[in-house]
Amino acid sequence: MSGLLARRSSYVAGRWAEAGEPFAVEDPAAESVVCELASATADDVEEAVSAARVSVDSGVWADLPASARADTVRALLDHLALLREPLIASIVAEAGQPAWFAGMLQVDAGLDLGRRTVDLYMAMPHEETNPVPVDELVRGRVALSVRRHEPVGVVSAITPYNAAFIMAMQKVVPALMAGNSVVLRPSPLTPLSSLALGMAAEAVDLPPGVLNIVVEGGSSGAQVMTTDRRVDMVSFTGSTAVGRQILAQAAPTVKHVALELGGKSAQIYLPDALHRVAQGAAAVVAATAGQACVAATRMLVPHESKDDVLAAVSAAYGALTVGPPTAPDTVLGPVISAAQRDRCERFVALAEEHGGKVVTGGGRPAHLDRGYYVEPTVLDVPDNTNPAAQEEIFGPVLTVIGYRDLDDAVRIANDSPYGLSGQVYGADVAAATAVARRLRTGAVNVNTSVFSAYAPSGGYKQSGLGRERGPDGIRAFQEVKHMSIGELPR
């Protein structure tokens, strides 16, 4: 396939790996091979971790002034901007996402996120002097109390298939700005776009070992990255099941672990906001085919309005253009694989077995004979115990649930093992905000949403540990050291 990023192997210790068994990257829209990459060997992974450790211990990156790191990271982002067109083509091909989404909401938004993260880091204090009580000074015990924010060290960054490029920006940029060295391992399903970071690191002469990109067809490299004693931190975005495994793997060496995991978010509509349901339903499935951990796949509406809501969201889904991601009018492309399509179909069947009804969709689009497509699907479920309301499906499947009153709506929304995101809509902003405050979730959007370098993201409960983006996301890649400094007694 033409127009893609040119590199086809891992970037390790400042060079491109040469060996490795080939593995295929599949186009989910055509069920064809996009290209073959050389899978990282055990020696490649060992070299990546070793080079990262050496670069940390030598101080070649961390000891630079923050302004020098900022200049280098900005240059890296500028080079990525030069790769915009092949980056978009690569994302479309490997992830099956529409070209407009790949351009605006992965590449452009990712680069903007990166640049603003650099600015945020530079605006934050990283060494602070605290006032010392006078009595302490009189006794001569402490003359100066200093709190420093220092690099964690070697960071393993493991990114998901659904947003490979922007998730790499969300992890790599703050980690580098904090002075860490990074081993980035993208999903084997969408590894191509992440190789752009290796190309940019090479172009700006980033010191060897400071940024390594490991691509592999399996998971053996990822396991080394979560267990090796030379790794200080693991930052992972993906499923809750894999997150549990990573916690167990990181435990023997007590690594820092940041996890952004699954979600089953609710969008709650107050009675005065029901005109908004069609737009909210479309947002769940557009562009990513519902493959987003923050997707609000549970729609909660007043019981007495449920039939009207089902009609409105079904009409909205019927109007969505499902098709190849290269077509300019496509809103909804395929899911990532045959296995993911099967999962969507299985949960639709489970929903029906437990009393739910398919209002629209539920199958494969009749006009598309190739590709892993799933019709945008609306399920009318009797209550929140339905499997389709409890489990993260990761596809274009929306459940609609009725509530008795706002207390009931809050109860339903919080009745989940997850707590990643949520939405509340209401013409009475104060009332909607009052509902939002009661939700046990890491983020809540009230009548709007924001994705920003300054706004944190992360989950309650089984949706993760820690935060990404914002000041908290930068601090996640730092250790805190306190120093008490005084003069020797005479």
Protein backbone atom coordinates (compact mmCIF):
# COMPACT_ATOMS: atom_id res chain seq x y z
CA MET A 1 0.00 0.00 0.00
CA SER A 2 1.47 3.37 -0.99
CA GLY A 3 1.68 6.55 1.06
CA LEU A 4 2.45 4.83 4.36
CA LEU A 5 5.27 5.49 6.78
CA ALA A 6 8.40 3.91 5.38
CA ARG A 7 9.91 2.16 8.41
CA ARG A 8 9.13 -1.52 9.09
CA SER A 9 11.07 -2.47 12.22
CA SER A 10 11.77 -1.47 15.82
CA TYR A 11 13.81 1.61 16.71
CA VAL A 12 16.24 0.59 19.44
CA ALA A 13 19.18 2.42 21.00
CA GLY A 14 19.22 5.01 18.22
CA ARG A 15 19.12 2.58 15.29
CA TRP A 16 16.62 0.56 13.28
CA ALA A 17 16.58 -3.14 14.07
CA GLU A 18 17.34 -5.43 11.14
CA ALA A 19 16.34 -8.94 12.22
CA GLY A 20 13.03 -10.39 13.29
CA GLU A 21 10.29 -12.64 12.01
CA PRO A 22 7.80 -10.83 9.78
CA PHE A 23 4.28 -10.22 11.05
CA ALA A 24 1.39 -8.81 9.08
CA VAL A 25 -0.52 -5.64 9.83
CA GLU A 26 -4.09 -6.11 8.63
CA ASP A 27 -6.47 -3.59 7.11
CA PRO A 28 -9.75 -4.22 8.98
CA ALA A 29 -11.77 -2.53 6.25
CA ALA A 30 -10.57 -4.84 3.49
CA GLU A 31 -9.37 -7.94 5.40
CA SER A 32 -6.08 -7.58 3.53
CA VAL A 33 -2.44 -7.12 4.53
CA VAL A 34 -1.33 -3.51 4.83
CA CYS A 35 2.34 -4.40 5.19
CA GLU A 36 4.69 -6.69 7.07
CA LEU A 37 6.88 -5.53 9.94
CA ALA A 38 9.89 -7.23 11.49
CA SER A 39 8.88 -8.41 14.94
CA ALA A 40 11.28 -7.39 17.69
CA THR A 41 13.53 -10.22 18.80
CA ALA A 42 14.38 -10.99 22.41
CA ASP A 43 17.74 -9.33 21.77
CA ASP A 44 15.99 -6.20 20.46
CA VAL A 45 13.86 -5.90 23.59
CA GLU A 46 16.87 -6.53 25.81
CA GLU A 47 18.82 -3.83 23.96
CA ALA A 48 15.92 -1.37 24.22
CA VAL A 49 15.61 -1.79 27.99
CA SER A 50 19.39 -1.77 28.46
CA ALA A 51 19.87 1.37 26.35
CA ALA A 52 17.09 3.13 28.22
CA ARG A 53 18.69 2.19 31.54
CA VAL A 54 22.12 3.40 30.42
CA SER A 55 20.71 6.70 29.21
CA VAL A 56 18.99 7.24 32.56
CA ASP A 57 22.01 6.34 34.65
CA SER A 58 24.36 8.49 32.56
CA GLY A 59 22.14 11.55 32.84
CA VAL A 60 22.53 12.26 29.13
CA TRP A 61 18.87 13.37 28.97
CA ALA A 62 17.67 13.91 32.53
CA ASP A 63 20.61 16.20 33.42
CA LEU A 64 19.90 18.60 30.56
CA PRO A 65 18.20 21.85 31.51
CA ALA A 66 14.43 21.59 31.13
CA SER A 67 14.57 24.27 28.44
CA ALA A 68 16.95 22.10 26.38
CA ARG A 69 14.65 19.08 26.70
CA ALA A 70 11.74 21.28 25.69
CA ASP A 71 13.58 22.48 22.57
CA THR A 72 14.33 18.90 21.55
CA VAL A 73 10.79 17.64 22.17
CA ARG A 74 9.34 20.56 20.22
CA ALA A 75 11.69 19.72 17.34
CA LEU A 76 10.52 16.10 17.53
CA LEU A 77 6.90 17.27 17.29
CA ASP A 78 7.76 19.53 14.37
CA HIS A 79 9.23 16.57 12.52
CA LEU A 80 6.13 14.50 13.23
CA ALA A 81 4.09 17.32 11.68
CA LEU A 82 6.12 16.89 8.49
CA LEU A 83 5.00 13.24 8.45
CA ARG A 84 1.30 14.17 8.72
CA GLU A 85 0.11 12.68 5.42
CA PRO A 86 1.84 9.28 5.74
CA LEU A 87 0.77 9.19 9.39
CA ILE A 88 -2.87 9.68 8.41
CA ALA A 89 -2.61 7.06 5.68
CA SER A 90 -1.05 4.60 8.13
CA ILE A 91 -3.75 5.14 10.78
CA VAL A 92 -6.53 4.73 8.22
CA ALA A 93 -4.97 1.54 6.91
CA GLU A 94 -4.13 -0.17 10.21
CA ALA A 95 -7.03 1.03 12.40
CA GLY A 96 -9.82 1.40 9.84
CA GLN A 97 -10.66 4.87 11.14
CA PRO A 98 -12.05 7.51 8.75
CA ALA A 99 -9.43 9.80 7.24
CA TRP A 100 -11.01 12.93 8.70
CA PHE A 101 -10.81 11.44 12.20
CA ALA A 102 -7.24 10.21 11.74
CA GLY A 103 -6.19 13.67 10.60
CA MET A 104 -8.02 15.96 13.00
CA LEU A 105 -8.49 13.85 16.11
CA GLN A 106 -5.39 11.70 16.12
CA VAL A 107 -2.54 13.46 14.33
CA ASP A 108 -3.47 17.14 14.68
CA ALA A 109 -4.95 16.76 18.16
CA GLY A 110 -2.01 14.57 19.21
CA LEU A 111 0.56 17.12 18.09
CA ASP A 112 -1.35 19.94 19.77
CA LEU A 113 -1.53 17.85 22.94
CA GLY A 114 2.21 17.30 22.77
CA ARG A 115 3.05 20.97 22.31
CA ARG A 116 0.76 22.09 25.10
CA THR A 117 2.16 19.40 27.39
CA VAL A 118 5.64 20.87 26.85
CA ASP A 119 4.28 24.32 27.72
CA LEU A 120 2.52 22.98 30.82
CA TYR A 121 5.65 21.23 32.05
CA MET A 122 7.69 24.41 31.62
CA ALA A 123 5.08 26.39 33.58
CA MET A 124 5.08 23.99 36.54
CA PRO A 125 7.49 24.18 39.50
CA HIS A 126 9.82 21.20 39.73
CA GLU A 127 11.85 22.36 42.75
CA GLU A 128 10.15 24.20 45.57
CA THR A 129 11.56 25.71 48.75
CA ASN A 130 9.22 25.49 51.71
CA PRO A 131 9.30 27.96 54.59
CA VAL A 132 10.99 26.67 57.73
CA PRO A 133 9.48 27.47 61.17
CA VAL A 134 11.50 30.01 63.16
CA ASP A 135 11.97 27.65 66.11
CA GLU A 136 13.58 25.12 63.78
CA LEU A 137 16.02 27.78 62.58
CA VAL A 138 16.87 28.82 66.14
CA ARG A 139 17.72 25.26 67.08
CA GLY A 140 19.88 25.03 63.98
CA ARG A 141 18.23 21.89 62.74
CA VAL A 142 17.04 23.00 59.29
CA ALA A 143 17.97 26.03 57.25
CA LEU A 144 16.25 24.98 54.04
CA SER A 145 13.47 22.53 53.15
CA VAL A 146 13.33 21.58 49.48
CA ARG A 147 10.87 19.46 47.55
CA ARG A 148 12.11 18.22 44.17
CA HIS A 149 10.23 16.46 41.39
CA GLU A 150 12.68 14.13 39.66
CA PRO A 151 12.42 11.58 36.81
CA VAL A 152 11.11 8.12 37.65
CA GLY A 153 13.72 6.56 35.34
CA VAL A 154 12.96 3.99 32.64
CA VAL A 155 9.31 4.06 31.54
CA SER A 156 7.60 1.24 29.64
CA ALA A 157 4.72 2.79 27.68
CA ILE A 158 2.19 0.33 26.25
CA THR A 159 -0.53 1.77 24.01
CA PRO A 160 -3.84 0.42 22.64
CA TYR A 161 -4.96 -0.14 19.06
CA ASN A 162 -7.87 2.29 19.02
CA ALA A 163 -5.85 5.51 19.38
CA ALA A 164 -2.22 4.50 18.95
CA PHE A 165 -0.76 7.84 17.92
CA ILE A 166 -2.52 10.18 20.33
CA MET A 167 -2.01 7.75 23.22
CA ALA A 168 1.70 7.68 22.39
CA MET A 169 1.71 11.49 22.58
CA GLN A 170 -0.12 11.30 25.91
CA LYS A 171 2.59 9.07 27.41
CA VAL A 172 5.85 9.81 25.61
CA VAL A 173 5.83 13.62 25.72
CA PRO A 174 5.28 14.08 29.47
CA ALA A 175 7.66 11.21 30.23
CA LEU A 176 10.42 12.77 28.11
CA MET A 177 9.81 16.26 29.46
CA ALA A 178 10.17 14.90 33.00
CA GLY A 179 13.60 13.55 32.06
CA ASN A 180 12.74 9.87 31.72
CA SER A 181 13.80 7.43 29.02
CA VAL A 182 11.00 5.53 27.30
CA VAL A 183 10.42 2.14 25.70
CA LEU A 184 7.20 2.45 23.69
CA ARG A 185 5.36 -0.70 22.65
CA PRO A 186 2.24 -0.15 20.51
CA SER A 187 -0.47 -2.76 20.00
CA PRO A 188 0.49 -5.43 17.44
CA LEU A 189 -2.76 -4.58 15.65
CA THR A 190 -1.76 -0.94 14.98
CA PRO A 191 2.03 -0.65 15.26
CA LEU A 192 2.83 1.28 12.11
CA SER A 193 1.88 4.82 13.16
CA SER A 194 4.05 4.67 16.29
CA LEU A 195 7.17 4.14 14.20
CA ALA A 196 6.85 7.81 13.23
CA LEU A 197 8.19 8.62 16.70
CA GLY A 198 11.35 6.66 15.96
CA MET A 199 11.74 8.53 12.68
CA ALA A 200 11.37 11.83 14.52
CA ALA A 201 13.79 10.79 17.28
CA GLU A 202 16.36 9.91 14.64
CA ALA A 203 15.82 13.20 12.79
CA VAL A 204 16.39 15.37 15.88
CA ASP A 205 19.36 13.33 17.16
CA LEU A 206 17.70 12.31 20.41
CA PRO A 207 20.43 10.55 22.45
CA PRO A 208 20.42 6.77 21.90
CA GLY A 209 18.23 4.92 24.36
CA VAL A 210 16.11 7.91 25.37
CA LEU A 211 13.23 6.81 23.12
CA ASN A 212 12.88 3.25 21.86
CA ILE A 213 9.99 1.85 19.80
CA VAL A 214 9.42 -1.91 20.06
CA VAL A 215 7.02 -3.47 17.54
CA GLU A 216 6.15 -7.13 17.81
CA GLY A 217 3.58 -9.58 16.61
CA GLY A 218 3.13 -11.20 20.03
CA SER A 219 3.41 -10.17 23.65
CA SER A 220 6.75 -11.51 24.88
CA GLY A 221 8.42 -8.11 24.60
CA ALA A 222 5.64 -6.45 26.55
CA GLN A 223 6.09 -8.97 29.35
CA VAL A 224 9.79 -8.14 29.60
CA MET A 225 8.85 -4.46 29.74
CA THR A 226 6.57 -5.07 32.72
CA THR A 227 8.86 -7.39 34.69
CA ASP A 228 12.48 -6.37 34.07
CA ARG A 229 14.10 -4.90 37.18
CA ARG A 230 15.71 -2.12 35.12
CA VAL A 231 12.27 -0.70 34.30
CA ASP A 232 11.00 1.77 36.90
CA MET A 233 7.48 2.43 35.65
CA VAL A 234 4.82 0.94 33.42
CA SER A 235 2.22 3.19 31.81
CA PHE A 236 -0.51 1.11 30.15
CA THR A 237 -3.75 1.89 28.36
CA GLY A 238 -5.98 -1.05 27.49
CA SER A 239 -8.37 -3.56 28.95
CA THR A 240 -8.94 -4.11 32.64
CA ALA A 241 -8.07 -7.81 32.26
CA VAL A 242 -4.62 -7.00 30.89
CA GLY A 243 -4.21 -4.24 33.47
CA ARG A 244 -4.59 -6.82 36.23
CA GLN A 245 -1.88 -8.94 34.62
CA ILE A 246 0.45 -5.95 34.42
CA LEU A 247 -0.09 -5.17 38.10
CA ALA A 248 0.87 -8.74 38.96
CA GLN A 249 3.92 -8.66 36.69
CA ALA A 250 5.14 -5.34 38.07
CA ALA A 251 4.57 -6.26 41.72
CA PRO A 252 7.77 -8.26 42.44
CA THR A 253 9.92 -5.22 41.60
CA VAL A 254 7.40 -2.71 43.00
CA LYS A 255 7.29 -0.56 39.88
CA HIS A 256 5.29 2.59 39.50
CA VAL A 257 2.18 1.59 37.53
CA ALA A 258 -0.23 3.92 35.74
CA LEU A 259 -3.28 2.26 34.22
CA GLU A 260 -6.04 3.67 32.06
CA LEU A 261 -8.40 0.74 31.62
CA GLY A 262 -11.91 -0.19 30.57
CA GLY A 263 -15.11 1.74 30.95
CA LYS A 264 -18.87 1.41 30.72
CA SER A 265 -19.77 5.06 30.95
CA ALA A 266 -23.28 6.41 31.29
CA GLN A 267 -24.84 9.41 29.59
CA ILE A 268 -27.71 10.70 31.72
CA TYR A 269 -30.44 12.88 30.23
CA LEU A 270 -32.51 15.05 32.50
CA PRO A 271 -36.13 15.42 31.33
CA ASP A 272 -35.40 18.87 29.87
CA ALA A 273 -32.58 17.61 27.62
CA LEU A 274 -34.16 14.77 25.65
CA HIS A 275 -33.83 16.70 22.39
CA ARG A 276 -30.10 15.95 22.66
CA VAL A 277 -30.27 12.13 22.62
CA ALA A 278 -29.74 11.62 18.87
CA GLN A 279 -26.51 13.63 18.96
CA GLY A 280 -25.31 11.81 22.06
CA ALA A 281 -26.03 8.42 20.53
CA ALA A 282 -24.12 9.26 17.36
CA ALA A 283 -21.08 10.37 19.36
CA VAL A 284 -20.77 6.89 20.89
CA VAL A 285 -20.14 5.15 17.59
CA ALA A 286 -18.86 7.80 15.16
CA ALA A 287 -15.25 7.59 13.96
CA THR A 288 -14.04 4.85 16.32
CA ALA A 289 -16.95 2.42 15.77
CA GLY A 290 -17.52 2.53 19.51
CA GLN A 291 -13.95 1.40 20.24
CA ALA A 292 -13.20 4.01 22.88
CA CYS A 293 -12.75 3.36 26.58
CA VAL A 294 -14.59 6.59 27.42
CA ALA A 295 -17.55 5.87 25.12
CA ALA A 296 -20.83 6.48 26.97
CA THR A 297 -22.49 3.25 25.87
CA ARG A 298 -25.24 3.33 28.52
CA MET A 299 -27.93 5.93 27.80
CA LEU A 300 -30.13 6.67 30.83
CA VAL A 301 -33.46 8.42 30.19
CA PRO A 302 -36.77 8.84 32.06
CA HIS A 303 -38.91 5.69 31.86
CA GLU A 304 -41.88 7.58 30.49
CA SER A 305 -39.83 8.95 27.58
CA LYS A 306 -37.99 5.78 26.69
CA ASP A 307 -40.04 4.85 23.60
CA ASP A 308 -39.55 8.29 22.08
CA VAL A 309 -35.83 8.14 22.82
CA LEU A 310 -35.49 4.71 21.21
CA ALA A 311 -37.16 6.03 18.07
CA ALA A 312 -34.90 9.09 17.96
CA VAL A 313 -31.60 7.23 18.45
CA SER A 314 -32.62 4.49 16.02
CA ALA A 315 -33.31 7.12 13.37
CA ALA A 316 -29.94 8.73 14.11
CA TYR A 317 -28.13 5.42 13.69
CA GLY A 318 -29.97 4.68 10.49
CA ALA A 319 -28.68 7.96 9.04
CA LEU A 320 -25.00 7.21 9.76
CA THR A 321 -22.84 6.35 6.76
CA VAL A 322 -21.06 3.05 7.35
CA GLY A 323 -18.31 2.25 4.89
CA PRO A 324 -14.64 2.25 3.94
CA PRO A 325 -12.58 4.71 5.99
CA THR A 326 -11.07 6.15 2.81
CA ALA A 327 -14.49 7.37 1.61
CA PRO A 328 -14.98 11.08 2.43
CA ASP A 329 -18.55 10.66 3.71
CA THR A 330 -17.86 7.68 5.99
CA VAL A 331 -18.76 8.28 9.63
CA LEU A 332 -18.42 4.72 10.89
CA GLY A 333 -15.72 2.29 9.78
CA PRO A 334 -14.99 -1.29 10.85
CA VAL A 335 -14.00 -2.68 14.20
CA ILE A 336 -10.40 -3.80 14.44
CA SER A 337 -10.67 -7.55 13.83
CA ALA A 338 -12.89 -10.54 13.23
CA ALA A 339 -12.58 -11.38 16.93
CA GLN A 340 -13.86 -7.94 17.90
CA ARG A 341 -16.77 -8.22 15.47
CA ASP A 342 -17.61 -11.61 16.98
CA ARG A 343 -17.54 -10.08 20.46
CA CYS A 344 -20.06 -7.42 19.44
CA GLU A 345 -22.38 -10.03 17.93
CA ARG A 346 -22.03 -12.24 21.01
CA PHE A 347 -23.09 -9.45 23.35
CA VAL A 348 -26.06 -8.56 21.19
CA ALA A 349 -27.18 -12.19 21.48
CA LEU A 350 -26.56 -12.17 25.25
CA ALA A 351 -28.57 -8.98 25.60
CA GLU A 352 -31.54 -10.67 23.89
CA GLU A 353 -31.18 -13.80 26.01
CA HIS A 354 -31.51 -11.61 29.12
CA GLY A 355 -34.63 -9.76 28.04
CA GLY A 356 -33.18 -7.05 25.83
CA LYS A 357 -34.47 -6.12 22.38
CA VAL A 358 -32.58 -5.06 19.27
CA VAL A 359 -34.23 -1.85 18.15
CA THR A 360 -31.95 -1.26 15.18
CA GLY A 361 -28.78 -2.87 13.83
CA GLY A 362 -27.42 -5.95 15.53
CA GLY A 363 -25.77 -7.49 12.47
CA ARG A 364 -23.40 -6.82 9.62
CA PRO A 365 -24.12 -4.14 6.98
CA ALA A 366 -25.67 -5.82 3.94
CA HIS A 367 -23.88 -3.56 1.45
CA LEU A 368 -20.38 -4.46 2.66
CA ASP A 369 -19.17 -7.96 1.85
CA ARG A 370 -15.62 -7.46 3.15
CA GLY A 371 -14.26 -5.89 6.29
CA TYR A 372 -15.03 -6.27 9.98
CA TYR A 373 -18.11 -4.08 10.01
CA VAL A 374 -20.84 -4.05 12.63
CA GLU A 375 -24.08 -2.15 12.19
CA PRO A 376 -24.58 0.68 14.68
CA THR A 377 -26.84 -1.04 17.18
CA VAL A 378 -29.41 0.19 19.70
CA LEU A 379 -30.46 -2.20 22.47
CA ASP A 380 -33.53 -1.66 24.64
CA VAL A 381 -32.61 -3.38 27.91
CA PRO A 382 -34.96 -3.74 30.87
CA ASP A 383 -32.42 -2.83 33.53
CA ASN A 384 -28.74 -2.42 34.30
CA THR A 385 -28.16 -6.11 35.08
CA ASN A 386 -28.22 -6.97 31.37
CA PRO A 387 -24.79 -8.20 30.21
CA ALA A 388 -24.70 -5.52 27.51
CA ALA A 389 -25.05 -2.89 30.24
CA GLN A 390 -22.41 -4.37 32.53
CA GLU A 391 -19.56 -5.39 30.21
CA GLU A 392 -17.35 -3.22 28.01
CA ILE A 393 -18.21 -4.43 24.50
CA PHE A 394 -15.88 -2.07 22.58
CA GLY A 395 -18.01 -1.71 19.48
CA PRO A 396 -20.91 0.32 18.05
CA VAL A 397 -23.49 -0.95 20.53
CA LEU A 398 -25.61 1.39 22.69
CA THR A 399 -27.89 0.27 25.52
CA VAL A 400 -30.87 2.43 26.51
CA ILE A 401 -32.11 2.12 30.11
CA GLY A 402 -35.01 3.88 31.79
CA TYR A 403 -34.79 5.52 35.21
CA ARG A 404 -37.54 6.45 37.70
CA ASP A 405 -35.99 9.67 39.02
CA LEU A 406 -32.55 11.27 39.29
CA ASP A 407 -31.64 9.26 42.38
CA ASP A 408 -32.35 6.13 40.37
CA ALA A 409 -30.29 7.46 37.45
CA VAL A 410 -27.29 8.04 39.72
CA ARG A 411 -27.70 4.57 41.23
CA ILE A 412 -27.74 2.95 37.77
CA ALA A 413 -24.78 4.97 36.53
CA ASN A 414 -22.70 3.99 39.57
CA ASP A 415 -23.77 0.33 39.39
CA SER A 416 -20.70 -0.70 37.40
CA PRO A 417 -17.27 -2.11 38.12
CA TYR A 418 -15.93 0.75 36.00
CA GLY A 419 -15.68 4.48 36.55
CA LEU A 420 -13.79 6.10 33.69
CA SER A 421 -16.09 8.77 32.32
CA GLY A 422 -19.66 10.00 32.22
CA GLN A 423 -21.98 12.59 30.74
CA VAL A 424 -24.92 14.55 32.09
CA TYR A 425 -27.22 16.68 29.94
CA GLY A 426 -29.71 19.19 31.27
CA ALA A 427 -31.04 22.65 30.42
CA ASP A 428 -30.85 23.37 34.13
CA VAL A 429 -27.07 23.43 34.42
CA ALA A 430 -27.10 23.54 38.20
CA ALA A 431 -29.28 20.44 38.38
CA ALA A 432 -27.11 18.62 35.83
CA THR A 433 -23.95 19.57 37.71
CA ALA A 434 -25.46 18.31 40.96
CA VAL A 435 -25.98 14.92 39.30
CA ALA A 436 -22.42 14.97 37.92
CA ARG A 437 -20.98 15.49 41.40
CA ARG A 438 -22.60 12.25 42.55
CA LEU A 439 -21.09 10.04 39.82
CA ARG A 440 -18.21 7.77 40.84
CA THR A 441 -16.11 8.33 37.77
CA GLY A 442 -12.84 10.02 36.85
CA ALA A 443 -14.37 12.55 34.47
CA VAL A 444 -17.88 13.88 33.85
CA ASN A 445 -18.93 16.06 30.93
CA VAL A 446 -21.89 18.33 31.64
CA ASN A 447 -23.47 19.47 28.36
CA THR A 448 -20.04 19.61 26.73
CA SER A 449 -16.65 17.89 26.67
CA VAL A 450 -12.99 18.77 26.65
CA PHE A 451 -9.82 16.96 25.63
CA SER A 452 -6.86 19.03 26.73
CA ALA A 453 -3.28 18.86 27.91
CA TYR A 454 -4.51 20.70 31.01
CA ALA A 455 -7.42 18.37 31.89
CA PRO A 456 -6.66 15.05 33.61
CA SER A 457 -8.01 11.68 32.50
CA GLY A 458 -8.26 8.50 34.52
CA GLY A 459 -10.61 6.17 36.29
CA TYR A 460 -12.21 5.15 39.55
CA LYS A 461 -12.67 1.50 40.55
CA GLN A 462 -11.56 -0.99 37.86
CA SER A 463 -11.04 1.73 35.27
CA GLY A 464 -7.48 2.35 36.33
CA LEU A 465 -4.85 3.86 38.59
CA GLY A 466 -3.41 7.35 38.36
CA ARG A 467 -4.05 10.10 35.83
CA GLU A 468 -2.83 11.10 32.40
CA ARG A 469 -2.70 14.64 31.02
CA GLY A 470 -2.79 17.77 33.12
CA PRO A 471 -0.41 18.46 36.01
CA ASP A 472 -1.30 15.11 37.58
CA GLY A 473 -0.31 13.36 34.35
CA ILE A 474 3.12 15.00 34.43
CA ARG A 475 3.63 14.26 38.11
CA ALA A 476 2.89 10.59 37.37
CA PHE A 477 6.25 10.42 35.60
CA GLN A 478 8.13 11.97 38.52
CA GLU A 479 9.42 10.92 41.92
CA VAL A 480 9.20 13.32 44.85
CA LYS A 481 12.33 13.94 46.88
CA HIS A 482 12.48 16.02 50.05
CA MET A 483 15.79 17.55 51.14
CA SER A 484 16.47 19.10 54.55
CA ILE A 485 19.53 21.32 54.28
CA GLY A 486 21.36 22.93 57.20
CA GLU A 487 24.80 24.10 58.30
CA LEU A 488 27.12 21.94 60.35
CA PRO A 489 27.25 22.92 64.02
CA ARG A 490 30.42 24.81 64.91
